[in-house]
């Protein structure tokens, strides 16, 4: 599988991942003390939904495009409203990636390090983040770079690991990287995205990561009906989820499920894997 962000920007998995990202950042903003965000596989930061890759896959049309009515819903859960506002700021034909969402939610005392391995992507990312004085784009291997940045000076923060799953051993690399990172920054919040082509492989990755002695973790998994030639299920492993995060995601799911399902079915499951609230 090659999950380069540009091919799938704004799809059903992006929607759920970015709602989760906004939920965590809203939590971190509750305290005045600074926090740091590290995005290990940042992509280009902003995607034109009219480009050839997006049109070819049509995934945004089955994702963010199905949420138009929520933009005008006054009673939407706060986390969902905040996410949709950030998307709307980019215009109808563009979709923000995780580094741009994070950059827009930083306060003056907070910091973002967005890492991208592909030279052409990081060049665009630097332009996208240029207006944000407390955000920096780095051209590097996110897996290798992560532990060198931990713990952050603020001792508060979020690590987002959203790999492209280009390699056959990506799950193993992801688990090993998370384990090493958590040992250096045990109090950090971690969001790790993964595709579910095999539930057994996904569960093995989760089990290997939790074996590092994690006290609190949950998963948010979303499944949609076929077309079967494309990914139909993905998840996020959330280590050290903030208090109330599970309830926020459940509330958002009640509105997302009937829309992301389209003419078929969809399901979002929030499952505690270690500990609970």
C-alpha atoms as a PDB file:
ATOM      1  CA  UNK A   1       0.000   0.000   0.000  1.00  0.00           C
ATOM      2  CA  UNK A   2       1.158   3.518  -0.793  1.00  0.00           C
ATOM      3  CA  UNK A   3      -0.742   6.041   1.294  1.00  0.00           C
ATOM      4  CA  UNK A   4       0.871   9.249   0.023  1.00  0.00           C
ATOM      5  CA  UNK A   5      -1.332  11.963   1.494  1.00  0.00           C
ATOM      6  CA  UNK A   6      -2.090  13.717  -1.778  1.00  0.00           C
ATOM      7  CA  UNK A   7      -3.956  10.736  -3.201  1.00  0.00           C
ATOM      8  CA  UNK A   8      -6.321  10.487  -0.255  1.00  0.00           C
ATOM      9  CA  UNK A   9      -6.702  14.037   1.088  1.00  0.00           C
ATOM     10  CA  UNK A  10     -10.103  14.630   2.637  1.00  0.00           C
ATOM     11  CA  UNK A  11     -11.219  11.000   2.560  1.00  0.00           C
ATOM     12  CA  UNK A  12     -13.165   9.271   5.348  1.00  0.00           C
ATOM     13  CA  UNK A  13     -10.005   8.324   7.245  1.00  0.00           C
ATOM     14  CA  UNK A  14      -8.648  11.882   7.034  1.00  0.00           C
ATOM     15  CA  UNK A  15     -11.879  13.240   8.482  1.00  0.00           C
ATOM     16  CA  UNK A  16     -11.747  11.019  11.565  1.00  0.00           C
ATOM     17  CA  UNK A  17      -7.986  11.447  12.023  1.00  0.00           C
ATOM     18  CA  UNK A  18      -8.228  15.221  11.846  1.00  0.00           C
ATOM     19  CA  UNK A  19     -11.224  15.400  14.200  1.00  0.00           C
ATOM     20  CA  UNK A  20      -9.097  13.425  16.680  1.00  0.00           C
ATOM     21  CA  UNK A  21      -6.166  15.792  16.109  1.00  0.00           C
ATOM     22  CA  UNK A  22      -8.350  18.836  16.785  1.00  0.00           C
ATOM     23  CA  UNK A  23      -9.768  17.203  19.924  1.00  0.00           C
ATOM     24  CA  UNK A  24      -6.276  16.673  21.385  1.00  0.00           C
ATOM     25  CA  UNK A  25      -5.087  20.173  20.477  1.00  0.00           C
ATOM     26  CA  UNK A  26      -8.173  21.722  22.053  1.00  0.00           C
ATOM     27  CA  UNK A  27      -7.311  19.841  25.229  1.00  0.00           C
ATOM     28  CA  UNK A  28      -3.685  21.016  25.220  1.00  0.00           C
ATOM     29  CA  UNK A  29      -4.825  24.616  24.761  1.00  0.00           C
ATOM     30  CA  UNK A  30      -6.774  24.521  28.044  1.00  0.00           C
ATOM     31  CA  UNK A  31      -3.599  25.219  30.026  1.00  0.00           C
ATOM     32  CA  UNK A  32      -1.533  28.358  29.538  1.00  0.00           C
ATOM     33  CA  UNK A  33       1.761  26.441  29.577  1.00  0.00           C
ATOM     34  CA  UNK A  34       3.345  25.802  26.192  1.00  0.00           C
ATOM     35  CA  UNK A  35       3.043  22.564  24.271  1.00  0.00           C
ATOM     36  CA  UNK A  36       4.883  21.052  21.313  1.00  0.00           C
ATOM     37  CA  UNK A  37       3.524  19.162  18.317  1.00  0.00           C
ATOM     38  CA  UNK A  38       5.657  16.777  16.255  1.00  0.00           C
ATOM     39  CA  UNK A  39       4.224  15.515  12.957  1.00  0.00           C
ATOM     40  CA  UNK A  40       6.529  12.793  11.643  1.00  0.00           C
ATOM     41  CA  UNK A  41       5.025  12.260   8.168  1.00  0.00           C
ATOM     42  CA  UNK A  42       3.607  15.680   7.454  1.00  0.00           C
ATOM     43  CA  UNK A  43       3.050  15.686   3.694  1.00  0.00           C
ATOM     44  CA  UNK A  44       2.669  19.016   1.900  1.00  0.00           C
ATOM     45  CA  UNK A  45       0.221  20.549   4.368  1.00  0.00           C
ATOM     46  CA  UNK A  46      -2.431  21.732   1.920  1.00  0.00           C
ATOM     47  CA  UNK A  47      -4.102  19.843  -0.932  1.00  0.00           C
ATOM     48  CA  UNK A  48      -5.936  21.045  -4.012  1.00  0.00           C
ATOM     49  CA  UNK A  49      -8.933  18.767  -4.446  1.00  0.00           C
ATOM     50  CA  UNK A  50      -9.047  19.694  -8.144  1.00  0.00           C
ATOM     51  CA  UNK A  51      -5.680  18.143  -8.968  1.00  0.00           C
ATOM     52  CA  UNK A  52      -5.372  14.967 -10.994  1.00  0.00           C
ATOM     53  CA  UNK A  53      -4.592  12.658  -8.080  1.00  0.00           C
ATOM     54  CA  UNK A  54      -7.583  13.773  -6.039  1.00  0.00           C
ATOM     55  CA  UNK A  55      -9.971  13.660  -8.995  1.00  0.00           C
ATOM     56  CA  UNK A  56      -8.720  10.210 -10.003  1.00  0.00           C
ATOM     57  CA  UNK A  57      -9.401   8.649  -6.598  1.00  0.00           C
ATOM     58  CA  UNK A  58     -12.564  10.626  -5.859  1.00  0.00           C
ATOM     59  CA  UNK A  59     -11.997   9.992  -2.178  1.00  0.00           C
ATOM     60  CA  UNK A  60     -12.685  13.536  -0.983  1.00  0.00           C
ATOM     61  CA  UNK A  61     -16.125  13.281  -2.580  1.00  0.00           C
ATOM     62  CA  UNK A  62     -16.814  10.320  -0.284  1.00  0.00           C
ATOM     63  CA  UNK A  63     -15.276  12.077   2.705  1.00  0.00           C
ATOM     64  CA  UNK A  64     -15.201  15.781   3.503  1.00  0.00           C
ATOM     65  CA  UNK A  65     -17.645  16.641   0.680  1.00  0.00           C
ATOM     66  CA  UNK A  66     -20.345  14.679   2.492  1.00  0.00           C
ATOM     67  CA  UNK A  67     -20.171  16.980   5.521  1.00  0.00           C
ATOM     68  CA  UNK A  68     -21.401  20.168   3.821  1.00  0.00           C
ATOM     69  CA  UNK A  69     -24.624  20.254   5.836  1.00  0.00           C
ATOM     70  CA  UNK A  70     -22.695  20.083   9.116  1.00  0.00           C
ATOM     71  CA  UNK A  71     -20.979  23.380   8.291  1.00  0.00           C
ATOM     72  CA  UNK A  72     -24.283  25.134   9.025  1.00  0.00           C
ATOM     73  CA  UNK A  73     -25.362  23.016  12.004  1.00  0.00           C
ATOM     74  CA  UNK A  74     -25.329  25.204  15.147  1.00  0.00           C
ATOM     75  CA  UNK A  75     -25.672  22.267  17.549  1.00  0.00           C
ATOM     76  CA  UNK A  76     -22.732  20.216  16.236  1.00  0.00           C
ATOM     77  CA  UNK A  77     -20.279  19.009  18.915  1.00  0.00           C
ATOM     78  CA  UNK A  78     -17.609  21.675  19.565  1.00  0.00           C
ATOM     79  CA  UNK A  79     -14.738  19.504  18.321  1.00  0.00           C
ATOM     80  CA  UNK A  80     -16.544  18.838  15.044  1.00  0.00           C
ATOM     81  CA  UNK A  81     -17.409  22.514  14.593  1.00  0.00           C
ATOM     82  CA  UNK A  82     -13.781  23.498  15.236  1.00  0.00           C
ATOM     83  CA  UNK A  83     -12.548  20.987  12.641  1.00  0.00           C
ATOM     84  CA  UNK A  84     -15.062  22.097  10.019  1.00  0.00           C
ATOM     85  CA  UNK A  85     -14.172  25.757  10.601  1.00  0.00           C
ATOM     86  CA  UNK A  86     -10.498  24.982   9.954  1.00  0.00           C
ATOM     87  CA  UNK A  87     -11.390  23.165   6.735  1.00  0.00           C
ATOM     88  CA  UNK A  88     -13.686  25.991   5.599  1.00  0.00           C
ATOM     89  CA  UNK A  89     -10.893  28.546   6.068  1.00  0.00           C
ATOM     90  CA  UNK A  90      -8.987  26.836   3.245  1.00  0.00           C
ATOM     91  CA  UNK A  91     -11.793  27.191   0.706  1.00  0.00           C
ATOM     92  CA  UNK A  92     -14.087  24.606  -0.852  1.00  0.00           C
ATOM     93  CA  UNK A  93     -11.520  23.197  -3.275  1.00  0.00           C
ATOM     94  CA  UNK A  94      -8.648  22.809  -0.838  1.00  0.00           C
ATOM     95  CA  UNK A  95      -8.132  20.561   2.146  1.00  0.00           C
ATOM     96  CA  UNK A  96      -5.700  21.136   5.053  1.00  0.00           C
ATOM     97  CA  UNK A  97      -3.270  18.429   6.083  1.00  0.00           C
ATOM     98  CA  UNK A  98      -2.394  17.769   9.710  1.00  0.00           C
ATOM     99  CA  UNK A  99       0.539  20.227   9.905  1.00  0.00           C
ATOM    100  CA  UNK A 100      -1.595  23.133   8.716  1.00  0.00           C
ATOM    101  CA  UNK A 101      -4.400  22.206  11.110  1.00  0.00           C
ATOM    102  CA  UNK A 102      -1.889  22.084  13.969  1.00  0.00           C
ATOM    103  CA  UNK A 103      -0.204  25.333  12.944  1.00  0.00           C
ATOM    104  CA  UNK A 104      -3.530  27.147  12.908  1.00  0.00           C
ATOM    105  CA  UNK A 105      -4.270  25.952  16.460  1.00  0.00           C
ATOM    106  CA  UNK A 106      -0.932  26.971  17.984  1.00  0.00           C
ATOM    107  CA  UNK A 107      -0.697  29.861  20.411  1.00  0.00           C
ATOM    108  CA  UNK A 108       2.391  32.107  20.472  1.00  0.00           C
ATOM    109  CA  UNK A 109       4.076  29.957  23.130  1.00  0.00           C
ATOM    110  CA  UNK A 110       3.509  26.633  21.314  1.00  0.00           C
ATOM    111  CA  UNK A 111       5.694  24.941  18.705  1.00  0.00           C
ATOM    112  CA  UNK A 112       5.232  22.641  15.710  1.00  0.00           C
ATOM    113  CA  UNK A 113       7.902  20.528  14.041  1.00  0.00           C
ATOM    114  CA  UNK A 114       6.587  19.026  10.798  1.00  0.00           C
ATOM    115  CA  UNK A 115       8.829  16.383   9.234  1.00  0.00           C
ATOM    116  CA  UNK A 116       8.590  15.157   5.647  1.00  0.00           C
ATOM    117  CA  UNK A 117      10.875  12.759   3.795  1.00  0.00           C
ATOM    118  CA  UNK A 118       9.981  13.575   0.177  1.00  0.00           C
ATOM    119  CA  UNK A 119      11.838  16.636  -1.127  1.00  0.00           C
ATOM    120  CA  UNK A 120       9.074  17.885  -3.426  1.00  0.00           C
ATOM    121  CA  UNK A 121       6.524  17.628  -0.626  1.00  0.00           C
ATOM    122  CA  UNK A 122       8.639  19.366   1.996  1.00  0.00           C
ATOM    123  CA  UNK A 123       9.316  22.288  -0.383  1.00  0.00           C
ATOM    124  CA  UNK A 124       5.570  22.923  -0.580  1.00  0.00           C
ATOM    125  CA  UNK A 125       5.172  22.322   3.148  1.00  0.00           C
ATOM    126  CA  UNK A 126       7.703  25.055   3.932  1.00  0.00           C
ATOM    127  CA  UNK A 127       5.672  27.530   1.897  1.00  0.00           C
ATOM    128  CA  UNK A 128       2.426  26.464   3.590  1.00  0.00           C
ATOM    129  CA  UNK A 129       3.924  26.912   7.066  1.00  0.00           C
ATOM    130  CA  UNK A 130       5.822  30.116   6.259  1.00  0.00           C
ATOM    131  CA  UNK A 131       3.140  32.405   7.786  1.00  0.00           C
ATOM    132  CA  UNK A 132       3.421  30.615  11.144  1.00  0.00           C
ATOM    133  CA  UNK A 133       6.483  31.827  13.039  1.00  0.00           C
ATOM    134  CA  UNK A 134       6.343  28.999  15.596  1.00  0.00           C
ATOM    135  CA  UNK A 135       6.111  26.188  13.021  1.00  0.00           C
ATOM    136  CA  UNK A 136       9.065  24.645  11.185  1.00  0.00           C
ATOM    137  CA  UNK A 137       9.228  22.101   8.367  1.00  0.00           C
ATOM    138  CA  UNK A 138      12.139  19.648   8.324  1.00  0.00           C
ATOM    139  CA  UNK A 139      13.349  17.482   5.438  1.00  0.00           C
ATOM    140  CA  UNK A 140      14.105  14.199   7.189  1.00  0.00           C
ATOM    141  CA  UNK A 141      12.985  10.642   7.901  1.00  0.00           C
ATOM    142  CA  UNK A 142      10.286  11.080  10.529  1.00  0.00           C
ATOM    143  CA  UNK A 143      10.927   7.709  12.127  1.00  0.00           C
ATOM    144  CA  UNK A 144      14.623   8.442  12.612  1.00  0.00           C
ATOM    145  CA  UNK A 145      14.109  12.054  13.651  1.00  0.00           C
ATOM    146  CA  UNK A 146      11.364  11.578  16.239  1.00  0.00           C
ATOM    147  CA  UNK A 147      13.299  10.308  19.241  1.00  0.00           C
ATOM    148  CA  UNK A 148      15.925  13.026  18.768  1.00  0.00           C
ATOM    149  CA  UNK A 149      13.216  15.616  19.398  1.00  0.00           C
ATOM    150  CA  UNK A 150      11.973  14.017  22.609  1.00  0.00           C
ATOM    151  CA  UNK A 151      11.230  15.025  25.228  1.00  0.00           C
ATOM    152  CA  UNK A 152      10.250  18.496  23.983  1.00  0.00           C
ATOM    153  CA  UNK A 153      11.406  21.482  26.051  1.00  0.00           C
ATOM    154  CA  UNK A 154       7.815  22.177  27.080  1.00  0.00           C
ATOM    155  CA  UNK A 155       7.372  18.652  28.493  1.00  0.00           C
ATOM    156  CA  UNK A 156       3.809  18.833  27.145  1.00  0.00           C
ATOM    157  CA  UNK A 157       2.788  17.806  23.711  1.00  0.00           C
ATOM    158  CA  UNK A 158       1.445  15.663  20.950  1.00  0.00           C
ATOM    159  CA  UNK A 159       3.204  13.319  18.562  1.00  0.00           C
ATOM    160  CA  UNK A 160       1.356  12.454  15.346  1.00  0.00           C
ATOM    161  CA  UNK A 161       2.724   9.504  13.390  1.00  0.00           C
ATOM    162  CA  UNK A 162       0.895   9.125  10.088  1.00  0.00           C
ATOM    163  CA  UNK A 163       3.094   6.980   7.834  1.00  0.00           C
ATOM    164  CA  UNK A 164       2.462   6.196   4.151  1.00  0.00           C
ATOM    165  CA  UNK A 165       2.628   2.409   4.624  1.00  0.00           C
ATOM    166  CA  UNK A 166       4.922   2.019   1.625  1.00  0.00           C
ATOM    167  CA  UNK A 167       6.986  -0.772   3.209  1.00  0.00           C
ATOM    168  CA  UNK A 168       5.960  -4.338   3.980  1.00  0.00           C
ATOM    169  CA  UNK A 169       7.299  -4.032   7.540  1.00  0.00           C
ATOM    170  CA  UNK A 170       5.673  -0.648   8.259  1.00  0.00           C
ATOM    171  CA  UNK A 171       3.668  -1.936  11.220  1.00  0.00           C
ATOM    172  CA  UNK A 172       6.830  -3.265  12.860  1.00  0.00           C
ATOM    173  CA  UNK A 173       8.691  -0.010  12.269  1.00  0.00           C
ATOM    174  CA  UNK A 174       5.769   1.996  13.608  1.00  0.00           C
ATOM    175  CA  UNK A 175       5.531  -0.111  16.773  1.00  0.00           C
ATOM    176  CA  UNK A 176       9.278   0.079  17.396  1.00  0.00           C
ATOM    177  CA  UNK A 177       9.329   3.848  16.858  1.00  0.00           C
ATOM    178  CA  UNK A 178       6.394   4.442  19.177  1.00  0.00           C
ATOM    179  CA  UNK A 179       7.938   2.242  21.869  1.00  0.00           C
ATOM    180  CA  UNK A 180      11.221   4.154  21.725  1.00  0.00           C
ATOM    181  CA  UNK A 181       9.420   7.509  21.716  1.00  0.00           C
ATOM    182  CA  UNK A 182       7.216   6.659  24.673  1.00  0.00           C
ATOM    183  CA  UNK A 183      10.229   5.604  26.706  1.00  0.00           C
ATOM    184  CA  UNK A 184      11.696   9.084  26.193  1.00  0.00           C
ATOM    185  CA  UNK A 185       8.450  11.033  26.575  1.00  0.00           C
ATOM    186  CA  UNK A 186       6.077   8.878  28.599  1.00  0.00           C
ATOM    187  CA  UNK A 187       3.605  11.667  29.382  1.00  0.00           C
ATOM    188  CA  UNK A 188       3.120  12.748  25.783  1.00  0.00           C
ATOM    189  CA  UNK A 189      -0.058  12.185  23.803  1.00  0.00           C
ATOM    190  CA  UNK A 190       0.449  10.018  20.710  1.00  0.00           C
ATOM    191  CA  UNK A 191      -1.789   9.615  17.668  1.00  0.00           C
ATOM    192  CA  UNK A 192      -0.661   6.799  15.373  1.00  0.00           C
ATOM    193  CA  UNK A 193      -2.621   6.253  12.154  1.00  0.00           C
ATOM    194  CA  UNK A 194      -2.852   2.816  10.524  1.00  0.00           C
ATOM    195  CA  UNK A 195      -4.817   1.174   7.689  1.00  0.00           C
ATOM    196  CA  UNK A 196      -6.770  -1.985   8.441  1.00  0.00           C
ATOM    197  CA  UNK A 197      -6.224  -4.354   5.547  1.00  0.00           C
ATOM    198  CA  UNK A 198      -6.015  -7.219   8.055  1.00  0.00           C
ATOM    199  CA  UNK A 199      -7.524  -6.861  11.530  1.00  0.00           C
ATOM    200  CA  UNK A 200      -5.017  -9.412  12.789  1.00  0.00           C
ATOM    201  CA  UNK A 201      -2.068  -7.329  11.589  1.00  0.00           C
ATOM    202  CA  UNK A 202      -3.553  -4.158  13.095  1.00  0.00           C
ATOM    203  CA  UNK A 203      -4.208  -5.881  16.428  1.00  0.00           C
ATOM    204  CA  UNK A 204      -0.667  -7.297  16.472  1.00  0.00           C
ATOM    205  CA  UNK A 205       0.734  -3.789  16.001  1.00  0.00           C
ATOM    206  CA  UNK A 206      -1.448  -2.457  18.816  1.00  0.00           C
ATOM    207  CA  UNK A 207      -0.463  -5.321  21.124  1.00  0.00           C
ATOM    208  CA  UNK A 208       3.247  -4.844  20.433  1.00  0.00           C
ATOM    209  CA  UNK A 209       2.981  -1.130  21.183  1.00  0.00           C
ATOM    210  CA  UNK A 210       1.006  -1.639  24.383  1.00  0.00           C
ATOM    211  CA  UNK A 211       3.606  -4.150  25.568  1.00  0.00           C
ATOM    212  CA  UNK A 212       5.829  -1.148  26.313  1.00  0.00           C
ATOM    213  CA  UNK A 213       3.830  -0.742  29.521  1.00  0.00           C
ATOM    214  CA  UNK A 214       1.294   1.855  28.409  1.00  0.00           C
ATOM    215  CA  UNK A 215      -1.319   2.518  31.076  1.00  0.00           C
ATOM    216  CA  UNK A 216      -3.942   4.288  28.957  1.00  0.00           C
ATOM    217  CA  UNK A 217      -4.682   3.825  25.279  1.00  0.00           C
ATOM    218  CA  UNK A 218      -7.644   3.539  22.975  1.00  0.00           C
ATOM    219  CA  UNK A 219      -8.307   3.073  19.294  1.00  0.00           C
ATOM    220  CA  UNK A 220     -10.693   4.894  16.990  1.00  0.00           C
ATOM    221  CA  UNK A 221     -11.463   2.738  13.966  1.00  0.00           C
ATOM    222  CA  UNK A 222     -13.681   3.668  11.040  1.00  0.00           C
ATOM    223  CA  UNK A 223     -15.021   1.261   8.429  1.00  0.00           C
ATOM    224  CA  UNK A 224     -17.034   2.183   5.334  1.00  0.00           C
ATOM    225  CA  UNK A 225     -18.747   0.105   2.694  1.00  0.00           C
ATOM    226  CA  UNK A 226     -16.789  -0.819  -0.485  1.00  0.00           C
ATOM    227  CA  UNK A 227     -15.702  -0.017  -3.332  1.00  0.00           C
ATOM    228  CA  UNK A 228     -13.540  -2.958  -2.355  1.00  0.00           C
ATOM    229  CA  UNK A 229     -10.577  -1.918  -4.519  1.00  0.00           C
ATOM    230  CA  UNK A 230      -9.814   0.876  -2.047  1.00  0.00           C
ATOM    231  CA  UNK A 231      -9.070   0.993   1.662  1.00  0.00           C
ATOM    232  CA  UNK A 232     -12.317   0.662   3.600  1.00  0.00           C
ATOM    233  CA  UNK A 233     -11.094   0.605   7.186  1.00  0.00           C
ATOM    234  CA  UNK A 234      -8.510   2.584   9.136  1.00  0.00           C
ATOM    235  CA  UNK A 235      -7.723   3.405  12.723  1.00  0.00           C
ATOM    236  CA  UNK A 236      -5.859   5.633  15.125  1.00  0.00           C
ATOM    237  CA  UNK A 237      -4.062   4.349  18.185  1.00  0.00           C
ATOM    238  CA  UNK A 238      -4.261   7.050  20.857  1.00  0.00           C
ATOM    239  CA  UNK A 239      -1.779   6.749  23.715  1.00  0.00           C
ATOM    240  CA  UNK A 240      -2.499   8.840  26.813  1.00  0.00           C
ATOM    241  CA  UNK A 241      -5.815  10.177  25.486  1.00  0.00           C
ATOM    242  CA  UNK A 242      -6.889  13.306  27.371  1.00  0.00           C
ATOM    243  CA  UNK A 243      -9.853  13.121  29.711  1.00  0.00           C
ATOM    244  CA  UNK A 244     -13.091  13.357  27.766  1.00  0.00           C
ATOM    245  CA  UNK A 245     -11.498  12.473  24.414  1.00  0.00           C
ATOM    246  CA  UNK A 246     -13.426   9.204  24.027  1.00  0.00           C
ATOM    247  CA  UNK A 247     -16.748  10.930  24.700  1.00  0.00           C
ATOM    248  CA  UNK A 248     -15.911  13.710  22.217  1.00  0.00           C
ATOM    249  CA  UNK A 249     -15.131  11.191  19.497  1.00  0.00           C
ATOM    250  CA  UNK A 250     -18.313   9.250  20.219  1.00  0.00           C
ATOM    251  CA  UNK A 251     -20.376  12.441  19.943  1.00  0.00           C
ATOM    252  CA  UNK A 252     -18.709  13.347  16.645  1.00  0.00           C
ATOM    253  CA  UNK A 253     -19.211   9.792  15.374  1.00  0.00           C
ATOM    254  CA  UNK A 254     -22.983  10.054  15.756  1.00  0.00           C
ATOM    255  CA  UNK A 255     -22.989  12.745  13.073  1.00  0.00           C
ATOM    256  CA  UNK A 256     -20.155  11.404  10.929  1.00  0.00           C
ATOM    257  CA  UNK A 257     -21.335   7.795  10.537  1.00  0.00           C
ATOM    258  CA  UNK A 258     -24.551   8.417   8.549  1.00  0.00           C
ATOM    259  CA  UNK A 259     -22.763  10.908   6.275  1.00  0.00           C
ATOM    260  CA  UNK A 260     -19.509   9.055   5.604  1.00  0.00           C
ATOM    261  CA  UNK A 261     -21.493   5.913   4.914  1.00  0.00           C
ATOM    262  CA  UNK A 262     -23.178   7.565   1.928  1.00  0.00           C
ATOM    263  CA  UNK A 263     -25.510   5.059   0.282  1.00  0.00           C
ATOM    264  CA  UNK A 264     -23.831   2.213   2.137  1.00  0.00           C
ATOM    265  CA  UNK A 265     -22.848   1.620   5.735  1.00  0.00           C
ATOM    266  CA  UNK A 266     -20.199   3.095   8.004  1.00  0.00           C
ATOM    267  CA  UNK A 267     -19.132   2.481  11.554  1.00  0.00           C
ATOM    268  CA  UNK A 268     -16.828   4.259  14.006  1.00  0.00           C
ATOM    269  CA  UNK A 269     -15.707   2.346  17.085  1.00  0.00           C
ATOM    270  CA  UNK A 270     -13.934   3.910  20.052  1.00  0.00           C
ATOM    271  CA  UNK A 271     -12.390   1.063  22.066  1.00  0.00           C
ATOM    272  CA  UNK A 272     -10.262   1.199  25.194  1.00  0.00           C
ATOM    273  CA  UNK A 273      -7.196  -1.017  24.764  1.00  0.00           C
ATOM    274  CA  UNK A 274      -5.525  -0.203  28.088  1.00  0.00           C
ATOM    275  CA  UNK A 275      -7.026   1.510  31.121  1.00  0.00           C
ATOM    276  CA  UNK A 276     -10.162   3.642  30.973  1.00  0.00           C
ATOM    277  CA  UNK A 277     -11.563   6.933  32.229  1.00  0.00           C
END
